[in-house]
Amino acid sequence: KESSAASDVYKRQLQYVDDEDKIKTSLKTLQKRLKSGMDDIRNSIHHLYDTSIDFRSRVESYVDNMRSDYDIDFQYNVDMPMSHELKLDLLSIVMESLTNIRKHSDATAVSIIVREHPEYIIIVIKDNGSHNKKSEHGMGLQSMKETVRKYNGVFNTMDDDGFKVHVFLYKEEI
């Protein structure tokens, strides 16, 4: 009888070891599947995040908000895909430029050009107002310069029959 009881215990222990190996294998398979699923979810969210902002529509909405006070010429010709971060950075430049026009200019007309060329993208925002030299060193302009510098681009302002912000970004840097 003792031998039979010991045999039963031994069989249960072998079954436990066999079950433990099966459980470990199943857990490893489950872990791989969960990791793959999480990677797929991250990639999908990243893709949605990158495409969630329609850059042109956002600029058009800024323009529409100014139409009652300014004669606006808006030209847009960009077909290349842009990262979410680039869209946000360029939108901040456009918005800051338009805010500066409202705050510091007596302009009646504004021109906004966003154009893609084979090697670069340009943004030009120009008004026809008189310019206050004091505003040339403001925080907004400094912020725009830093944003453009992040992409190794060129940032210029010109005081020529109004005020102009000119941004030049090389595609290879963005």
N, C-alpha and C. Protein backbone atom coordinates (compact mmCIF):
# COMPACT_ATOMS: atom_id res chain seq x y z
N LYS A 1 0.81 -1.18 0.00
CA LYS A 1 0.00 0.00 0.00
C LYS A 1 0.86 1.26 0.00
N GLU A 2 1.93 1.24 0.83
CA GLU A 2 2.81 2.40 0.88
C GLU A 2 3.45 2.63 -0.47
N SER A 3 3.81 1.59 -1.11
CA SER A 3 4.44 1.69 -2.42
C SER A 3 3.47 2.28 -3.42
N SER A 4 2.20 1.93 -3.31
CA SER A 4 1.19 2.48 -4.21
C SER A 4 0.97 3.96 -3.94
N ALA A 5 0.97 4.37 -2.69
CA ALA A 5 0.80 5.77 -2.32
C ALA A 5 1.99 6.57 -2.80
N ALA A 6 3.18 6.03 -2.62
CA ALA A 6 4.39 6.72 -3.08
C ALA A 6 4.37 6.85 -4.59
N SER A 7 3.90 5.84 -5.26
CA SER A 7 3.80 5.86 -6.72
C SER A 7 2.83 6.94 -7.18
N ASP A 8 1.70 7.06 -6.45
CA ASP A 8 0.72 8.10 -6.79
C ASP A 8 1.31 9.50 -6.60
N VAL A 9 2.05 9.69 -5.51
CA VAL A 9 2.69 10.97 -5.24
C VAL A 9 3.70 11.27 -6.35
N TYR A 10 4.48 10.28 -6.70
CA TYR A 10 5.49 10.44 -7.74
C TYR A 10 4.82 10.81 -9.07
N LYS A 11 3.71 10.14 -9.39
CA LYS A 11 2.99 10.43 -10.64
C LYS A 11 2.45 11.87 -10.64
N ARG A 12 1.92 12.28 -9.46
CA ARG A 12 1.42 13.65 -9.36
C ARG A 12 2.54 14.67 -9.52
N GLN A 13 3.71 14.35 -8.96
CA GLN A 13 4.85 15.24 -9.09
C GLN A 13 5.30 15.32 -10.54
N LEU A 14 5.34 14.22 -11.23
CA LEU A 14 5.69 14.21 -12.66
C LEU A 14 4.66 14.99 -13.47
N GLN A 15 3.39 14.80 -13.13
CA GLN A 15 2.33 15.54 -13.81
C GLN A 15 2.51 17.03 -13.58
N TYR A 16 2.85 17.41 -12.33
CA TYR A 16 3.09 18.82 -11.99
C TYR A 16 4.24 19.38 -12.79
N VAL A 17 5.34 18.65 -12.89
CA VAL A 17 6.50 19.10 -13.67
C VAL A 17 6.11 19.24 -15.14
N ASP A 18 5.37 18.26 -15.65
CA ASP A 18 4.92 18.31 -17.04
C ASP A 18 3.99 19.49 -17.26
N ASP A 19 3.06 19.72 -16.32
CA ASP A 19 2.14 20.87 -16.42
C ASP A 19 2.91 22.18 -16.32
N GLU A 20 3.93 22.24 -15.45
CA GLU A 20 4.72 23.46 -15.28
C GLU A 20 5.43 23.81 -16.59
N ASP A 21 5.98 22.83 -17.27
CA ASP A 21 6.64 23.08 -18.56
C ASP A 21 5.63 23.58 -19.60
N LYS A 22 4.45 22.97 -19.61
CA LYS A 22 3.41 23.41 -20.55
C LYS A 22 2.97 24.84 -20.24
N ILE A 23 2.85 25.14 -18.95
CA ILE A 23 2.43 26.49 -18.53
C ILE A 23 3.50 27.51 -18.93
N LYS A 24 4.77 27.17 -18.69
CA LYS A 24 5.86 28.09 -19.06
C LYS A 24 5.85 28.35 -20.57
N THR A 25 5.69 27.29 -21.35
CA THR A 25 5.64 27.44 -22.81
C THR A 25 4.45 28.29 -23.22
N SER A 26 3.30 28.03 -22.62
CA SER A 26 2.10 28.81 -22.93
C SER A 26 2.27 30.28 -22.54
N LEU A 27 2.89 30.52 -21.38
CA LEU A 27 3.11 31.90 -20.95
C LEU A 27 4.08 32.63 -21.88
N LYS A 28 5.11 31.94 -22.34
CA LYS A 28 6.05 32.57 -23.27
C LYS A 28 5.35 32.91 -24.58
N THR A 29 4.51 32.00 -25.06
CA THR A 29 3.75 32.26 -26.29
C THR A 29 2.80 33.44 -26.09
N LEU A 30 2.12 33.45 -24.95
CA LEU A 30 1.21 34.55 -24.64
C LEU A 30 1.96 35.88 -24.56
N GLN A 31 3.13 35.87 -23.92
CA GLN A 31 3.94 37.08 -23.79
C GLN A 31 4.35 37.60 -25.17
N LYS A 32 4.76 36.71 -26.06
CA LYS A 32 5.14 37.12 -27.43
C LYS A 32 3.95 37.72 -28.16
N ARG A 33 2.79 37.10 -28.02
CA ARG A 33 1.59 37.61 -28.70
C ARG A 33 1.18 38.97 -28.15
N LEU A 34 1.25 39.13 -26.84
CA LEU A 34 0.92 40.42 -26.23
C LEU A 34 1.88 41.51 -26.69
N LYS A 35 3.18 41.18 -26.72
CA LYS A 35 4.16 42.17 -27.17
C LYS A 35 3.90 42.55 -28.62
N SER A 36 3.63 41.57 -29.46
CA SER A 36 3.34 41.85 -30.87
C SER A 36 2.07 42.70 -31.00
N GLY A 37 1.06 42.38 -30.21
CA GLY A 37 -0.18 43.16 -30.23
C GLY A 37 0.05 44.60 -29.78
N MET A 38 0.84 44.77 -28.72
CA MET A 38 1.15 46.13 -28.23
C MET A 38 1.95 46.90 -29.27
N ASP A 39 2.87 46.24 -29.95
CA ASP A 39 3.64 46.90 -31.02
C ASP A 39 2.71 47.36 -32.14
N ASP A 40 1.74 46.50 -32.50
CA ASP A 40 0.77 46.87 -33.53
C ASP A 40 -0.06 48.07 -33.08
N ILE A 41 -0.48 48.07 -31.83
CA ILE A 41 -1.28 49.19 -31.31
C ILE A 41 -0.45 50.47 -31.31
N ARG A 42 0.80 50.39 -30.85
CA ARG A 42 1.68 51.58 -30.85
C ARG A 42 1.85 52.13 -32.27
N ASN A 43 2.10 51.23 -33.22
CA ASN A 43 2.27 51.67 -34.62
C ASN A 43 1.00 52.33 -35.14
N SER A 44 -0.16 51.77 -34.82
CA SER A 44 -1.42 52.36 -35.27
C SER A 44 -1.66 53.72 -34.64
N ILE A 45 -1.38 53.84 -33.36
CA ILE A 45 -1.56 55.13 -32.68
C ILE A 45 -0.59 56.15 -33.23
N HIS A 46 0.65 55.73 -33.46
CA HIS A 46 1.65 56.64 -34.03
C HIS A 46 1.18 57.15 -35.39
N HIS A 47 0.66 56.24 -36.21
CA HIS A 47 0.17 56.64 -37.53
C HIS A 47 -1.00 57.61 -37.40
N LEU A 48 -1.94 57.31 -36.51
CA LEU A 48 -3.08 58.22 -36.30
C LEU A 48 -2.60 59.57 -35.79
N TYR A 49 -1.63 59.55 -34.90
CA TYR A 49 -1.09 60.79 -34.32
C TYR A 49 -0.46 61.64 -35.42
N ASP A 50 0.32 61.01 -36.31
CA ASP A 50 0.97 61.75 -37.39
C ASP A 50 -0.03 62.34 -38.38
N THR A 51 -1.14 61.66 -38.60
CA THR A 51 -2.10 62.13 -39.59
C THR A 51 -3.26 62.91 -38.97
N SER A 52 -3.27 63.05 -37.64
CA SER A 52 -4.43 63.64 -36.97
C SER A 52 -4.59 65.14 -37.22
N ILE A 53 -3.53 65.83 -37.55
CA ILE A 53 -3.62 67.27 -37.80
C ILE A 53 -3.54 67.50 -39.30
N ASP A 54 -4.56 68.13 -39.83
CA ASP A 54 -4.53 68.54 -41.23
C ASP A 54 -3.95 69.95 -41.26
N PHE A 55 -2.67 70.04 -41.60
CA PHE A 55 -1.94 71.30 -41.54
C PHE A 55 -2.64 72.39 -42.35
N ARG A 56 -3.00 72.08 -43.57
CA ARG A 56 -3.63 73.08 -44.44
C ARG A 56 -4.93 73.59 -43.84
N SER A 57 -5.76 72.68 -43.34
CA SER A 57 -7.04 73.09 -42.75
C SER A 57 -6.84 73.99 -41.54
N ARG A 58 -5.84 73.68 -40.75
CA ARG A 58 -5.57 74.51 -39.57
C ARG A 58 -5.17 75.93 -39.99
N VAL A 59 -4.27 76.02 -40.99
CA VAL A 59 -3.86 77.35 -41.45
C VAL A 59 -5.07 78.08 -42.03
N GLU A 60 -5.89 77.38 -42.80
CA GLU A 60 -7.10 78.00 -43.37
C GLU A 60 -8.01 78.52 -42.26
N SER A 61 -8.10 77.79 -41.15
CA SER A 61 -8.96 78.27 -40.06
C SER A 61 -8.38 79.54 -39.44
N TYR A 62 -7.05 79.63 -39.32
CA TYR A 62 -6.42 80.86 -38.82
C TYR A 62 -6.72 82.01 -39.77
N VAL A 63 -6.61 81.73 -41.06
CA VAL A 63 -6.87 82.74 -42.09
C VAL A 63 -8.32 83.20 -42.02
N ASP A 64 -9.24 82.25 -41.91
CA ASP A 64 -10.66 82.59 -41.83
C ASP A 64 -10.97 83.49 -40.65
N ASN A 65 -10.26 83.28 -39.54
CA ASN A 65 -10.47 84.12 -38.35
C ASN A 65 -10.00 85.55 -38.55
N MET A 66 -9.18 85.78 -39.56
CA MET A 66 -8.64 87.13 -39.80
C MET A 66 -9.31 87.84 -40.97
N ARG A 67 -10.10 87.12 -41.75
CA ARG A 67 -10.67 87.69 -42.98
C ARG A 67 -11.54 88.92 -42.74
N SER A 68 -12.19 89.00 -41.61
CA SER A 68 -13.06 90.16 -41.38
C SER A 68 -12.26 91.44 -41.15
N ASP A 69 -10.99 91.31 -40.76
CA ASP A 69 -10.18 92.49 -40.47
C ASP A 69 -9.09 92.77 -41.51
N TYR A 70 -8.81 91.80 -42.36
CA TYR A 70 -7.69 91.94 -43.31
C TYR A 70 -8.08 91.37 -44.67
N ASP A 71 -7.48 91.95 -45.69
CA ASP A 71 -7.54 91.36 -47.02
C ASP A 71 -6.46 90.28 -47.04
N ILE A 72 -6.85 89.02 -47.23
CA ILE A 72 -5.90 87.91 -47.08
C ILE A 72 -5.69 87.21 -48.41
N ASP A 73 -4.41 86.98 -48.72
CA ASP A 73 -4.02 86.15 -49.86
C ASP A 73 -3.33 84.92 -49.28
N PHE A 74 -3.95 83.75 -49.46
CA PHE A 74 -3.39 82.51 -48.92
C PHE A 74 -3.07 81.57 -50.07
N GLN A 75 -1.81 81.17 -50.16
CA GLN A 75 -1.36 80.23 -51.18
C GLN A 75 -0.74 79.03 -50.48
N TYR A 76 -1.19 77.85 -50.89
CA TYR A 76 -0.70 76.63 -50.26
C TYR A 76 -0.43 75.60 -51.33
N ASN A 77 0.78 75.04 -51.31
CA ASN A 77 1.12 73.99 -52.26
C ASN A 77 2.15 73.07 -51.62
N VAL A 78 1.67 72.15 -50.77
CA VAL A 78 2.54 71.16 -50.14
C VAL A 78 1.85 69.81 -50.26
N ASP A 79 2.56 68.85 -50.85
CA ASP A 79 2.02 67.51 -51.00
C ASP A 79 2.74 66.48 -50.14
N MET A 80 3.93 66.81 -49.69
CA MET A 80 4.73 65.83 -48.94
C MET A 80 4.11 65.54 -47.58
N PRO A 81 4.26 64.32 -47.10
CA PRO A 81 3.79 64.02 -45.74
C PRO A 81 4.69 64.72 -44.71
N MET A 82 4.06 65.17 -43.63
CA MET A 82 4.80 65.84 -42.57
C MET A 82 4.55 65.13 -41.25
N SER A 83 5.56 65.06 -40.42
CA SER A 83 5.40 64.46 -39.10
C SER A 83 4.49 65.36 -38.25
N HIS A 84 3.94 64.76 -37.23
CA HIS A 84 3.08 65.50 -36.31
C HIS A 84 3.84 66.67 -35.69
N GLU A 85 5.08 66.41 -35.29
CA GLU A 85 5.90 67.46 -34.67
C GLU A 85 6.16 68.61 -35.63
N LEU A 86 6.47 68.30 -36.89
CA LEU A 86 6.71 69.36 -37.87
C LEU A 86 5.45 70.18 -38.09
N LYS A 87 4.31 69.52 -38.19
CA LYS A 87 3.05 70.25 -38.37
C LYS A 87 2.82 71.21 -37.21
N LEU A 88 3.02 70.73 -36.00
CA LEU A 88 2.82 71.59 -34.83
C LEU A 88 3.79 72.77 -34.84
N ASP A 89 5.04 72.50 -35.19
CA ASP A 89 6.04 73.57 -35.22
C ASP A 89 5.71 74.61 -36.28
N LEU A 90 5.32 74.17 -37.46
CA LEU A 90 4.98 75.12 -38.53
C LEU A 90 3.71 75.89 -38.19
N LEU A 91 2.75 75.20 -37.58
CA LEU A 91 1.53 75.90 -37.16
C LEU A 91 1.84 76.97 -36.12
N SER A 92 2.78 76.68 -35.23
CA SER A 92 3.14 77.68 -34.22
C SER A 92 3.77 78.91 -34.87
N ILE A 93 4.55 78.70 -35.93
CA ILE A 93 5.15 79.83 -36.64
C ILE A 93 4.08 80.67 -37.32
N VAL A 94 3.15 80.00 -37.99
CA VAL A 94 2.08 80.72 -38.68
C VAL A 94 1.23 81.47 -37.65
N MET A 95 0.85 80.79 -36.59
CA MET A 95 -0.02 81.43 -35.60
C MET A 95 0.69 82.61 -34.93
N GLU A 96 1.95 82.45 -34.57
CA GLU A 96 2.69 83.54 -33.93
C GLU A 96 2.82 84.73 -34.88
N SER A 97 3.09 84.46 -36.15
CA SER A 97 3.20 85.54 -37.14
C SER A 97 1.89 86.31 -37.25
N LEU A 98 0.79 85.58 -37.32
CA LEU A 98 -0.51 86.23 -37.45
C LEU A 98 -0.88 86.98 -36.17
N THR A 99 -0.52 86.43 -35.03
CA THR A 99 -0.75 87.13 -33.75
C THR A 99 0.05 88.43 -33.71
N ASN A 100 1.30 88.38 -34.18
CA ASN A 100 2.13 89.59 -34.21
C ASN A 100 1.52 90.66 -35.12
N ILE A 101 0.95 90.22 -36.23
CA ILE A 101 0.31 91.19 -37.13
C ILE A 101 -0.85 91.86 -36.41
N ARG A 102 -1.68 91.08 -35.75
CA ARG A 102 -2.82 91.66 -35.01
C ARG A 102 -2.36 92.61 -33.92
N LYS A 103 -1.30 92.24 -33.19
CA LYS A 103 -0.86 93.03 -32.04
C LYS A 103 -0.03 94.24 -32.41
N HIS A 104 0.84 94.10 -33.42
CA HIS A 104 1.88 95.11 -33.64
C HIS A 104 1.79 95.86 -34.97
N SER A 105 0.84 95.52 -35.78
CA SER A 105 0.82 96.12 -37.11
C SER A 105 -0.48 96.88 -37.36
N ASP A 106 -0.38 97.88 -38.20
CA ASP A 106 -1.59 98.56 -38.65
C ASP A 106 -1.95 98.11 -40.07
N ALA A 107 -1.60 96.87 -40.38
CA ALA A 107 -1.80 96.32 -41.72
C ALA A 107 -3.28 96.20 -42.07
N THR A 108 -3.53 96.23 -43.38
CA THR A 108 -4.87 95.98 -43.90
C THR A 108 -4.88 94.74 -44.78
N ALA A 109 -3.69 94.28 -45.17
CA ALA A 109 -3.58 93.10 -46.04
C ALA A 109 -2.48 92.19 -45.53
N VAL A 110 -2.71 90.87 -45.69
CA VAL A 110 -1.75 89.85 -45.25
C VAL A 110 -1.64 88.81 -46.35
N SER A 111 -0.41 88.41 -46.60
CA SER A 111 -0.13 87.35 -47.56
C SER A 111 0.52 86.19 -46.82
N ILE A 112 -0.01 84.99 -47.04
CA ILE A 112 0.54 83.78 -46.41
C ILE A 112 0.83 82.79 -47.53
N ILE A 113 2.08 82.41 -47.63
CA ILE A 113 2.49 81.45 -48.65
C ILE A 113 3.15 80.27 -47.96
N VAL A 114 2.65 79.08 -48.24
CA VAL A 114 3.27 77.84 -47.76
C VAL A 114 3.47 77.00 -49.01
N ARG A 115 4.73 76.79 -49.37
CA ARG A 115 5.01 76.16 -50.66
C ARG A 115 6.13 75.13 -50.53
N GLU A 116 5.91 74.03 -51.20
CA GLU A 116 6.92 72.97 -51.27
C GLU A 116 7.68 73.10 -52.58
N HIS A 117 8.98 73.00 -52.50
CA HIS A 117 9.86 72.95 -53.66
C HIS A 117 10.57 71.61 -53.63
N PRO A 118 11.24 71.23 -54.69
CA PRO A 118 11.89 69.91 -54.68
C PRO A 118 12.83 69.67 -53.50
N GLU A 119 13.53 70.69 -53.05
CA GLU A 119 14.52 70.50 -51.98
C GLU A 119 14.14 71.15 -50.65
N TYR A 120 13.10 71.95 -50.61
CA TYR A 120 12.79 72.69 -49.40
C TYR A 120 11.32 73.07 -49.33
N ILE A 121 10.94 73.56 -48.16
CA ILE A 121 9.60 74.14 -47.92
C ILE A 121 9.83 75.57 -47.47
N ILE A 122 9.00 76.48 -47.98
CA ILE A 122 9.08 77.86 -47.52
C ILE A 122 7.73 78.27 -46.92
N ILE A 123 7.83 79.15 -45.97
CA ILE A 123 6.66 79.83 -45.42
C ILE A 123 7.00 81.31 -45.43
N VAL A 124 6.14 82.08 -46.06
CA VAL A 124 6.32 83.53 -46.09
C VAL A 124 5.02 84.16 -45.61
N ILE A 125 5.12 84.99 -44.58
CA ILE A 125 3.96 85.71 -44.07
C ILE A 125 4.32 87.18 -44.08
N LYS A 126 3.54 87.95 -44.84
CA LYS A 126 3.86 89.36 -45.04
C LYS A 126 2.62 90.20 -44.83
N ASP A 127 2.82 91.35 -44.19
CA ASP A 127 1.72 92.30 -44.07
C ASP A 127 2.12 93.61 -44.74
N ASN A 128 1.16 94.50 -44.91
CA ASN A 128 1.43 95.78 -45.57
C ASN A 128 1.45 96.95 -44.58
N GLY A 129 1.57 96.63 -43.30
CA GLY A 129 1.52 97.69 -42.30
C GLY A 129 2.87 98.33 -42.03
N SER A 130 2.81 99.41 -41.23
CA SER A 130 4.06 100.01 -40.79
C SER A 130 4.60 99.13 -39.66
N HIS A 131 5.89 99.10 -39.53
CA HIS A 131 6.51 98.16 -38.61
C HIS A 131 7.11 98.89 -37.41
N ASN A 132 6.91 98.31 -36.26
CA ASN A 132 7.47 98.84 -35.02
C ASN A 132 8.78 98.10 -34.74
N LYS A 133 9.91 98.76 -34.92
CA LYS A 133 11.23 98.15 -34.76
C LYS A 133 11.39 97.49 -33.38
N LYS A 134 10.70 98.02 -32.40
CA LYS A 134 10.80 97.50 -31.05
C LYS A 134 10.37 96.04 -30.97
N SER A 135 9.43 95.63 -31.81
CA SER A 135 8.89 94.27 -31.75
C SER A 135 9.80 93.24 -32.42
N GLU A 136 10.86 93.67 -33.07
CA GLU A 136 11.74 92.73 -33.78
C GLU A 136 12.46 91.77 -32.87
N HIS A 137 12.55 92.06 -31.59
CA HIS A 137 13.29 91.20 -30.68
C HIS A 137 12.38 90.54 -29.65
N GLY A 138 11.11 90.43 -29.97
CA GLY A 138 10.15 89.87 -29.03
C GLY A 138 10.29 88.37 -28.85
N MET A 139 9.62 87.88 -27.84
CA MET A 139 9.64 86.45 -27.52
C MET A 139 9.08 85.60 -28.66
N GLY A 140 8.05 86.09 -29.33
CA GLY A 140 7.45 85.33 -30.43
C GLY A 140 8.43 85.10 -31.56
N LEU A 141 9.14 86.14 -31.95
CA LEU A 141 10.13 86.00 -33.02
C LEU A 141 11.27 85.10 -32.58
N GLN A 142 11.67 85.24 -31.34
CA GLN A 142 12.74 84.37 -30.81
C GLN A 142 12.30 82.91 -30.83
N SER A 143 11.08 82.66 -30.45
CA SER A 143 10.53 81.30 -30.46
C SER A 143 10.51 80.72 -31.89
N MET A 144 10.11 81.56 -32.85
CA MET A 144 10.11 81.11 -34.25
C MET A 144 11.52 80.76 -34.71
N LYS A 145 12.49 81.61 -34.36
CA LYS A 145 13.89 81.36 -34.73
C LYS A 145 14.36 80.03 -34.18
N GLU A 146 14.05 79.76 -32.92
CA GLU A 146 14.47 78.51 -32.30
C GLU A 146 13.81 77.31 -32.96
N THR A 147 12.56 77.45 -33.31
CA THR A 147 11.86 76.35 -33.99
C THR A 147 12.52 76.06 -35.32
N VAL A 148 12.82 77.07 -36.08
CA VAL A 148 13.45 76.89 -37.40
C VAL A 148 14.86 76.32 -37.22
N ARG A 149 15.57 76.78 -36.22
CA ARG A 149 16.93 76.29 -35.95
C ARG A 149 16.91 74.79 -35.64
N LYS A 150 15.86 74.33 -35.01
CA LYS A 150 15.70 72.90 -34.69
C LYS A 150 15.80 72.04 -35.95
N TYR A 151 15.37 72.58 -37.08
CA TYR A 151 15.40 71.86 -38.36
C TYR A 151 16.55 72.32 -39.25
N ASN A 152 17.50 73.05 -38.69
CA ASN A 152 18.64 73.59 -39.45
C ASN A 152 18.16 74.42 -40.64
N GLY A 153 17.09 75.14 -40.42
CA GLY A 153 16.53 75.98 -41.47
C GLY A 153 17.01 77.42 -41.37
N VAL A 154 16.42 78.25 -42.20
CA VAL A 154 16.77 79.67 -42.24
C VAL A 154 15.53 80.47 -41.87
N PHE A 155 15.72 81.43 -40.95
CA PHE A 155 14.64 82.30 -40.51
C PHE A 155 15.08 83.74 -40.73
N ASN A 156 14.28 84.49 -41.47
CA ASN A 156 14.58 85.91 -41.70
C ASN A 156 13.32 86.73 -41.50
N THR A 157 13.54 87.96 -41.08
CA THR A 157 12.46 88.94 -41.08
C THR A 157 12.94 90.12 -41.91
N MET A 158 11.99 90.76 -42.58
CA MET A 158 12.32 91.92 -43.40
C MET A 158 11.28 93.00 -43.18
N ASP A 159 11.76 94.20 -43.15
CA ASP A 159 10.89 95.35 -42.98
C ASP A 159 10.89 96.10 -44.32
N ASP A 160 10.01 95.68 -45.22
CA ASP A 160 10.00 96.22 -46.57
C ASP A 160 8.54 96.38 -46.99
N ASP A 161 8.03 97.60 -46.97
CA ASP A 161 6.61 97.84 -47.26
C ASP A 161 5.74 96.93 -46.40
N GLY A 162 6.00 96.91 -45.13
CA GLY A 162 5.33 96.03 -44.21
C GLY A 162 6.36 95.16 -43.54
N PHE A 163 5.90 94.11 -42.92
CA PHE A 163 6.82 93.21 -42.22
C PHE A 163 6.66 91.83 -42.80
N LYS A 164 7.79 91.13 -42.98
CA LYS A 164 7.76 89.80 -43.59
C LYS A 164 8.54 88.82 -42.72
N VAL A 165 7.93 87.65 -42.50
CA VAL A 165 8.60 86.52 -41.88
C VAL A 165 8.83 85.50 -42.98
N HIS A 166 10.09 85.06 -43.10
CA HIS A 166 10.45 84.12 -44.16
C HIS A 166 11.13 82.92 -43.52
N VAL A 167 10.55 81.72 -43.72
CA VAL A 167 11.07 80.47 -43.17
C VAL A 167 11.42 79.56 -44.32
N PHE A 168 12.61 78.99 -44.23
CA PHE A 168 13.14 78.13 -45.29
C PHE A 168 13.64 76.85 -44.61
N LEU A 169 13.00 75.70 -44.92
CA LEU A 169 13.39 74.42 -44.32
C LEU A 169 13.80 73.43 -45.40
N TYR A 170 14.99 72.89 -45.27
CA TYR A 170 15.46 71.87 -46.21
C TYR A 170 14.75 70.55 -45.92
N LYS A 171 14.23 69.92 -46.95
CA LYS A 171 13.50 68.67 -46.77
C LYS A 171 14.35 67.59 -46.11
N GLU A 172 15.62 67.56 -46.44
CA GLU A 172 16.48 66.52 -45.87
C GLU A 172 16.66 66.67 -44.36
N GLU A 173 16.30 67.80 -43.81
CA GLU A 173 16.44 68.06 -42.38
C GLU A 173 15.13 67.86 -41.61
N ILE A 174 14.02 67.69 -42.32
CA ILE A 174 12.74 67.60 -41.62
C ILE A 174 12.15 66.21 -41.62
